[in-house]
Structure formats: C-alpha cells, structure tokens
Protein backbone atom coordinates (compact mmCIF):
# COMPACT_ATOMS: atom_id res chain seq x y z
CA MET A 1 237.20 164.55 68.95
CA LYS A 2 237.95 168.21 68.32
CA TYR A 3 239.87 169.68 65.40
CA PRO A 4 242.38 170.67 64.18
CA ALA A 5 244.28 168.08 66.20
CA LEU A 6 247.95 167.27 66.54
CA ILE A 7 248.06 163.52 67.13
CA THR A 8 251.08 161.92 68.86
CA ASN A 9 251.76 158.19 68.89
CA THR A 10 253.38 157.89 72.31
CA ALA A 11 254.38 154.24 71.86
CA LYS A 12 256.45 155.12 68.78
CA LEU A 13 257.88 158.14 70.60
CA ALA A 14 259.01 155.91 73.47
CA GLU A 15 260.66 153.51 71.02
CA ASN A 16 262.57 156.35 69.36
CA ILE A 17 263.70 157.67 72.74
CA ASN A 18 264.99 154.23 73.70
CA ILE A 19 266.97 153.90 70.46
CA ILE A 20 268.57 157.33 70.94
CA GLN A 21 269.42 156.50 74.54
CA LYS A 22 271.10 153.28 73.43
CA ILE A 23 273.15 155.00 70.72
CA CYS A 24 274.23 157.74 73.12
CA ALA A 25 275.13 155.26 75.86
CA GLU A 26 277.27 153.24 73.45
CA ASN A 27 279.22 156.44 72.71
CA ASN A 28 279.45 157.64 76.35
CA ILE A 29 277.23 160.61 75.51
CA SER A 30 274.59 162.08 77.81
CA PHE A 31 271.27 162.90 76.14
CA CYS A 32 269.51 166.16 76.96
CA ALA A 33 265.93 166.13 75.67
CA VAL A 34 264.98 169.34 73.84
CA THR A 35 261.31 170.11 74.52
CA LYS A 36 260.80 173.47 72.77
CA SER A 37 259.13 172.10 69.64
CA PHE A 38 256.25 170.68 71.67
CA CYS A 39 256.23 173.43 74.33
CA ALA A 40 257.20 170.92 77.03
CA ALA A 41 253.69 169.47 77.03
CA PRO A 42 253.33 167.00 79.92
CA GLY A 43 251.83 164.43 77.54
CA MET A 44 255.24 164.35 75.85
CA THR A 45 257.70 164.99 78.68
CA GLY A 46 256.03 162.23 80.67
CA VAL A 47 257.02 159.74 77.97
CA TYR A 48 260.64 160.90 78.20
CA TYR A 49 260.66 160.73 81.98
CA LYS A 50 259.16 157.23 82.01
CA ALA A 51 261.90 156.19 79.56
CA GLY A 52 264.56 157.35 82.03
CA VAL A 53 265.44 160.80 80.65
CA ARG A 54 266.41 163.22 83.41
CA ASP A 55 267.89 166.19 81.50
CA PHE A 56 265.42 168.52 79.78
CA ALA A 57 266.20 171.62 77.74
CA ASP A 58 264.01 174.40 76.40
CA THR A 59 264.36 177.92 75.04
CA ARG A 60 261.46 179.35 77.05
CA LEU A 61 261.18 179.65 80.81
CA PRO A 62 257.39 179.07 80.86
CA ASN A 63 258.04 175.70 79.20
CA LEU A 64 260.72 174.77 81.74
CA ARG A 65 258.30 175.55 84.56
CA LYS A 66 255.99 172.81 83.24
CA ILE A 67 258.67 170.17 83.87
CA ASN A 68 258.24 169.25 87.52
CA TYR A 69 259.38 165.65 87.74
CA PRO A 70 261.63 164.69 90.67
CA GLY A 71 265.34 164.45 90.03
CA VAL A 72 265.45 166.31 86.70
CA THR A 73 267.91 168.93 85.52
CA LYS A 74 266.57 171.84 83.49
CA TRP A 75 268.62 173.62 80.82
CA LEU A 76 267.74 177.01 79.33
CA LEU A 77 268.87 176.74 75.70
CA ARG A 78 268.34 180.30 74.50
CA LEU A 79 270.82 182.84 75.85
CA PRO A 80 269.18 184.56 78.83
CA MET A 81 267.84 188.09 78.51
CA LEU A 82 269.13 190.49 81.14
CA SER A 83 265.54 191.31 82.03
CA GLU A 84 264.87 187.67 83.00
CA ALA A 85 268.11 186.93 84.86
CA GLU A 86 266.47 186.40 88.25
CA GLU A 87 263.80 184.16 86.73
CA VAL A 88 266.50 182.13 84.98
CA VAL A 89 268.25 181.39 88.28
CA GLU A 90 264.93 180.50 89.90
CA THR A 91 263.78 178.21 87.08
CA ALA A 92 266.78 176.65 85.32
CA ASP A 93 269.66 174.67 86.76
CA ILE A 94 271.86 175.34 83.72
CA SER A 95 271.83 178.07 81.08
CA LEU A 96 273.75 178.56 77.84
CA ASN A 97 275.68 181.85 77.79
CA SER A 98 278.04 183.94 75.70
CA GLU A 99 277.90 187.40 77.32
CA THR A 100 279.86 188.27 80.45
CA ALA A 101 277.34 190.98 81.39
CA THR A 102 274.55 188.42 81.43
CA VAL A 103 276.54 185.98 83.56
CA GLU A 104 277.34 188.83 85.97
CA ALA A 105 273.58 189.43 86.34
CA LEU A 106 273.00 185.71 86.89
CA SER A 107 275.76 185.77 89.49
CA GLY A 108 274.12 188.59 91.43
CA HIS A 109 270.78 186.82 91.56
CA ALA A 110 272.36 183.45 92.38
CA VAL A 111 274.14 185.00 95.39
CA LYS A 112 270.95 186.74 96.48
CA LEU A 113 268.98 183.51 96.26
CA GLY A 114 271.71 181.42 97.85
CA ARG A 115 272.09 179.20 94.78
CA LYS A 116 274.80 177.98 92.48
CA HIS A 117 273.84 178.51 88.83
CA LYS A 118 275.63 176.43 86.22
CA ILE A 119 276.52 177.85 82.83
CA ILE A 120 277.56 176.38 79.51
CA LEU A 121 279.86 178.80 77.69
CA MET A 122 278.89 178.66 74.01
CA VAL A 123 281.64 178.85 71.38
CA ASP A 124 280.86 179.74 67.76
CA VAL A 125 282.81 177.67 65.23
CA GLY A 126 281.06 178.99 62.13
CA ASP A 127 277.26 178.69 62.23
CA LEU A 128 277.16 182.35 63.36
CA ARG A 129 274.35 182.13 65.82
CA GLU A 130 275.28 182.27 69.53
CA GLY A 131 278.75 181.87 70.96
CA VAL A 132 282.07 183.57 71.60
CA LEU A 133 284.80 183.16 69.02
CA PRO A 134 287.31 180.39 69.82
CA GLY A 135 290.17 182.87 70.21
CA ASP A 136 288.25 184.75 72.92
CA ALA A 137 286.86 181.75 74.79
CA VAL A 138 289.71 181.17 77.24
CA ASN A 139 289.83 184.76 78.53
CA ILE A 140 286.04 185.02 78.75
CA ALA A 141 285.91 181.74 80.66
CA GLY A 142 288.45 183.23 83.09
CA GLU A 143 286.20 186.24 83.70
CA MET A 144 283.21 183.99 84.36
CA LEU A 145 285.17 181.74 86.72
CA LYS A 146 285.69 184.72 89.05
CA LEU A 147 281.97 185.29 89.56
CA PRO A 148 280.35 184.10 92.82
CA GLY A 149 277.30 181.89 92.57
CA ILE A 150 278.35 180.73 89.10
CA GLU A 151 279.82 177.38 88.05
CA LEU A 152 281.42 177.04 84.64
CA HIS A 153 279.79 173.67 84.08
CA GLY A 154 280.60 173.15 80.44
CA ILE A 155 281.51 174.33 76.96
CA GLY A 156 278.99 174.03 74.12
CA VAL A 157 278.64 174.54 70.40
CA ASN A 158 275.72 174.88 68.03
CA TYR A 159 275.33 173.77 64.42
CA ASN A 160 272.77 173.61 61.61
CA CYS A 161 270.48 176.35 62.92
CA PHE A 162 271.38 179.69 61.32
CA GLY A 163 274.19 179.16 58.85
CA GLY A 164 273.38 175.52 58.19
CA VAL A 165 276.95 174.58 59.14
CA ILE A 166 277.35 170.82 59.56
CA PRO A 167 279.30 169.46 62.54
CA THR A 168 282.60 167.85 61.63
CA LEU A 169 285.44 166.20 63.47
CA GLU A 170 287.63 169.21 62.66
CA SER A 171 285.26 171.82 64.09
CA LEU A 172 284.55 169.77 67.21
CA ASN A 173 288.28 169.45 67.75
CA ILE A 174 288.32 173.25 68.02
CA ILE A 175 285.94 172.94 70.97
CA THR A 176 287.94 170.20 72.66
CA GLY A 177 291.05 172.32 72.15
CA VAL A 178 289.38 175.26 73.89
CA VAL A 179 288.47 173.01 76.81
CA LYS A 180 292.07 171.83 77.16
CA GLU A 181 293.29 175.42 77.22
CA ILE A 182 290.74 176.42 79.89
CA THR A 183 291.46 173.45 82.14
CA GLY A 184 295.19 173.88 81.70
CA LYS A 185 295.24 177.62 82.39
CA TYR A 186 292.80 177.75 85.30
CA GLY A 187 293.10 174.27 86.80
CA VAL A 188 289.36 173.66 86.72
CA ASN A 189 287.24 170.71 85.63
CA ILE A 190 284.82 171.11 82.73
CA ASN A 191 282.04 168.61 83.38
CA VAL A 192 280.16 168.88 80.08
CA ILE A 193 281.32 169.31 76.51
CA SER A 194 278.09 169.67 74.54
CA GLY A 195 278.77 168.87 70.89
CA GLY A 196 275.61 170.13 69.26
CA ASN A 197 272.16 168.93 68.39
CA SER A 198 270.43 166.44 66.08
CA GLY A 199 272.82 167.44 63.31
CA SER A 200 275.65 165.80 65.25
CA MET A 201 273.99 162.37 65.29
CA HIS A 202 275.70 161.32 62.07
CA LEU A 203 279.01 161.44 63.95
CA LEU A 204 277.64 159.02 66.52
CA THR A 205 276.19 156.57 64.04
CA SER A 206 279.45 156.63 62.04
CA ARG A 207 281.53 156.31 65.23
CA THR A 208 283.52 159.45 64.41
CA MET A 209 282.50 161.65 67.34
CA PRO A 210 285.56 162.89 69.28
CA GLU A 211 285.74 160.93 72.53
CA GLU A 212 286.02 164.17 74.53
CA ILE A 213 282.42 165.15 73.62
CA THR A 214 280.14 164.18 76.51
CA ASN A 215 276.72 165.58 75.63
CA LEU A 216 274.21 166.26 72.85
CA ARG A 217 271.03 168.32 72.98
CA LEU A 218 268.52 166.33 70.95
CA GLY A 219 264.99 167.05 69.73
CA GLU A 220 264.28 166.62 66.03
CA VAL A 221 266.08 163.31 65.60
CA VAL A 222 263.86 161.81 68.31
CA PHE A 223 260.67 163.06 66.65
CA PHE A 224 261.39 162.16 63.04
CA GLY A 225 264.08 159.48 63.19
CA ARG A 226 266.58 161.38 61.02
CA GLU A 227 269.82 163.14 61.78
CA THR A 228 269.48 166.68 60.48
CA SER A 229 272.80 167.24 58.71
CA TYR A 230 272.22 164.81 55.85
CA GLN A 231 268.60 163.75 56.59
CA GLN A 232 269.57 160.11 56.88
CA LEU A 233 267.08 157.82 58.61
CA ILE A 234 268.48 156.10 61.67
CA PRO A 235 267.74 152.35 61.51
CA HIS A 236 264.61 151.15 63.31
CA MET A 237 263.43 154.67 64.17
CA HIS A 238 259.91 155.90 63.38
CA GLU A 239 259.26 158.84 61.05
CA ASP A 240 255.50 158.94 61.62
CA ILE A 241 255.04 159.76 65.29
CA PHE A 242 252.93 162.84 64.51
CA ARG A 243 250.04 163.71 62.23
CA LEU A 244 247.68 166.63 61.79
CA ASP A 245 243.95 165.96 61.46
CA ALA A 246 241.78 168.79 60.10
CA GLN A 247 238.02 168.82 59.59
CA ILE A 248 236.23 169.75 56.37
CA ILE A 249 233.95 172.77 56.75
CA GLU A 250 233.07 173.24 53.06
CA LEU A 251 233.08 170.88 50.08
CA LYS A 252 232.05 172.31 46.70
CA LYS A 253 232.90 172.18 43.01
CA LYS A 254 234.34 175.55 42.02
CA PRO A 255 236.47 177.09 39.23
CA SER A 256 240.23 176.82 39.61
CA MET A 257 240.62 180.52 38.65
CA PRO A 258 239.33 183.40 40.81
CA VAL A 259 236.63 185.48 39.16
CA GLY A 260 237.06 189.27 38.98
CA GLU A 261 239.87 191.80 39.20
CA ILE A 262 242.78 190.28 41.13
CA GLY A 263 244.94 192.13 43.62
CA LEU A 264 247.02 191.05 46.59
CA ASN A 265 245.80 188.44 49.04
CA ALA A 266 245.21 189.02 52.76
CA PHE A 267 248.95 188.78 53.45
CA GLY A 268 250.00 191.29 50.79
CA GLU A 269 251.15 188.56 48.42
CA GLU A 270 250.62 188.31 44.70
CA VAL A 271 249.14 184.88 43.94
CA VAL A 272 249.35 183.26 40.52
CA PHE A 273 246.66 180.79 39.41
CA CYS A 274 246.52 178.29 36.58
CA ASP A 275 243.25 177.48 34.83
CA ARG A 276 242.64 173.79 35.45
CA GLY A 277 238.90 173.85 34.99
CA ASP A 278 236.39 173.09 37.72
CA MET A 279 237.64 171.13 40.70
CA LEU A 280 236.18 169.69 43.88
CA ARG A 281 237.56 171.89 46.61
CA ALA A 282 237.53 171.16 50.34
CA ILE A 283 238.16 173.77 52.99
CA VAL A 284 239.49 172.55 56.33
CA ALA A 285 239.54 174.59 59.52
CA CYS A 286 243.28 175.10 59.90
CA GLY A 287 245.08 178.23 58.70
CA ARG A 288 248.34 180.12 58.77
CA GLN A 289 247.71 180.98 62.39
CA ASP A 290 248.21 177.28 63.10
CA VAL A 291 250.64 175.87 60.54
CA ASP A 292 252.67 176.62 57.41
CA ILE A 293 251.44 174.50 54.49
CA GLY A 294 255.03 174.23 53.30
CA LYS A 295 255.72 172.02 56.31
CA ILE A 296 252.89 169.50 55.90
CA LYS A 297 251.84 166.90 53.30
CA PRO A 298 248.46 165.20 52.82
CA LEU A 299 248.61 161.56 53.88
CA GLU A 300 245.73 160.56 51.63
CA PRO A 301 246.39 159.98 47.89
CA GLY A 302 244.96 162.50 45.45
CA VAL A 303 244.66 165.38 47.94
CA GLU A 304 246.45 168.58 46.91
CA ILE A 305 247.01 171.69 49.02
CA LEU A 306 246.04 174.82 47.06
CA GLY A 307 246.66 177.49 49.67
CA GLN A 308 245.81 179.06 52.99
CA SER A 309 244.35 182.12 54.60
CA SER A 310 244.56 182.93 58.31
CA ASP A 311 242.04 180.30 59.38
CA HIS A 312 241.31 178.20 56.27
CA MET A 313 243.23 175.67 54.20
CA ILE A 314 241.96 175.07 50.66
CA LEU A 315 242.44 171.63 49.14
CA ASN A 316 241.81 170.06 45.76
CA VAL A 317 240.20 166.65 46.35
CA THR A 318 239.02 166.06 42.78
CA ASP A 319 241.32 163.05 42.35
CA ALA A 320 241.19 161.82 45.93
CA ASP A 321 241.02 158.07 46.37
CA LYS A 322 238.11 158.25 48.80
CA PRO A 323 234.94 160.33 48.91
CA TYR A 324 234.75 163.20 51.39
CA LYS A 325 231.87 165.01 53.04
CA VAL A 326 231.44 168.03 55.28
CA GLY A 327 232.53 167.00 58.77
CA GLY A 328 235.03 164.50 57.40
CA VAL A 329 238.69 164.60 58.38
CA ILE A 330 241.79 164.90 56.22
CA SER A 331 245.15 163.89 57.68
CA PHE A 332 248.63 165.29 57.06
CA SER A 333 252.19 164.30 57.87
CA ILE A 334 254.20 167.09 59.45
CA ALA A 335 257.80 168.32 59.45
CA TYR A 336 259.71 169.88 62.34
CA GLY A 337 258.54 173.43 61.61
CA ALA A 338 254.93 172.28 61.59
CA LEU A 339 255.35 170.51 64.93
CA LEU A 340 256.64 173.75 66.41
CA SER A 341 253.76 175.91 65.17
CA LEU A 342 251.02 173.36 65.82
CA SER A 343 252.28 172.84 69.37
CA THR A 344 252.38 176.58 69.95
CA SER A 345 248.90 177.31 68.59
CA GLU A 346 246.31 177.29 71.35
CA TYR A 347 243.69 176.57 68.68
CA VAL A 348 245.13 173.14 67.90
CA TYR A 349 244.03 170.25 70.15
CA LYS A 350 246.77 167.96 71.38
CA VAL A 351 245.97 164.25 71.46
CA TYR A 352 248.26 161.52 72.84
CA GLU A 353 247.50 158.00 71.69
C-alpha cells in the first residue's frame, strides 16, 4: 500500500448510483453522471457504466477522453473556450453554451468534420454563473438554430455553484416558460430540459419538480448521499464511500507554541497559536498540494488537525484512543472539495475496494 491514498468503496458507490437511478426513473428524469470531481477515473466510471449509466458529463476535455465505453453520450459541462472549439466537437457529443460566437465556432468545426454537435443553451435565473438572461434566451436560441452542424438539443440551468441560489419551483418555471416560447416561435422540439445539479434533488424527493424537467446533472449527491441545497441525507444512501489514508512520517512530543521570533508562514499567512503545553504531534505525508484540511476530518477519536504546509499535515494525537507509531496510518473522512483536490493530485494514490 502506498500513501497518501484516496480509498473508494465501489460497492457502496454502486448502491448509491442505483438509488439515484430509481429516484430519477420514478420522476421521469434522465441522470447524467458528473465525473469532474474524480477526474473521470476508469475505476469510478466503470462502476457507473456497469450500473447502466450511459450519459457522462465533465468540465475538462482530457477527462471526457478517458470515457470510452460503447454507447455512451459525453457532455462538456464547462462553457467551451474558443481556442478548444475543434477539440470540443471531436470529443463531446453535447456541450453547454451561452455565447453565440462560441456556437458559431463549434458550427464551423462541426461542418468541417461532417458532424452534428448538440448544444444545451444555458439560462441564468439568478446564481450568476453561466447562462443568458431569460429575456434574451428566445432570440439567442433563434440565432443558434440558424447555424449548420448545430442542434439545439436542450435548455439548461445551474444552481448552488456561485451565488448559492437554491432551485425552486418558481425559478424552474422560468426555464419551462422559455422552452415554451422557443418551441412556439420556431416550431422546434427541445429534447432536454436540464434542471440543475445535486441541489435540485430535494425537488425530486419532495415530488415538487416541474413535470417538464427531463434531466439532472448529478455528482455530489451520488458520492455523499445528500442533496446539496439543504444537506439532507437521502434515505438508504451511503455517506462514507471515500476516505483518505495518510502515513505518519514523524511522531514526537513537542511544545504547542513555536519557539523564536514569529513571522508569516510559507503561504504568507499570520498564524496564531495557543499555549497548550507539550503535546504528542504526528506529521503525515499529505499537504496543501494534495488537500485542504478544511475539507477533511479525522475518523479516529482524539486526533486533531493542527495545520498544514505544502507537503506535511501536523496532527495532535495526545488524546488519541489508540497508540501510533512512525509508519502507521491515520484515516480521514472527506467532503466534496477534498474529493476534487485528492483526485486531481498526482501524488495521491487511488485505491478501489
């Protein structure tokens, strides 16, 4: 075993996927699996594919290129950059868009490559990340409908990410209203109405999702068993699919206060210490380059995180329930942000149990 290690319980992951699929099916919602937080690692996407998932979404093209299962549809979640337009058409079946200039570039490359590229026009109803304003959506959709090689496949909305805006029946009705205007004015079919992400799950579980919504893009709720608007646990779902294991590289009794003149730390921060006397301190080989300590918690009683440098995490194990030694392992539960950074760090080993 090598450390630090991100451990995934694939059996629990499969069970969570199955529960989400069941809830979505009961509400006539298609489930697009968001893979960005684990960098579309095959050890994870394989579990989804085996469970019957065929729609995969990611923000990064290199991640989408890892997903090579037969019969899958790949969505690019982040708005395409103009500089990657050709690569988007080559790699993704569907992309989320809000800029006519970008869709024009996608159109040119789609025609050149002899392909039809599908787009989801994103509409901003208040979270203030990506999307056109509702009042502009119908005219912009009309411009995009004229472009060769492009199919206006759907309308989408995002919540929770920048402004923290929670999806509601009222705001989703704005989206369904936009769709009705587009279909009425241009006589086209809109195949997908994507009503958000894991923050929209509370509308499914409470049976208040507008029936016009046909799709959700889901990641975090699958990993941690909670919808992200109110952090409510969904019945029978697992919260403990992931853990971080880090190995002890030093174990010594030391003062709780630094000795000498104190300035800024390695990150230009002023750190305040409290004199708590001598304590047994463990250093594990996992630093800021790998994970933010604000997104992890020790699983073992009596272990306290004191801080981090680039490559070290300092722990107080004075009151730990079990004895530790150099070479021993300390385990942590992780939050969504930690999953993202640990998956991205090439220095963290990925283990699938």
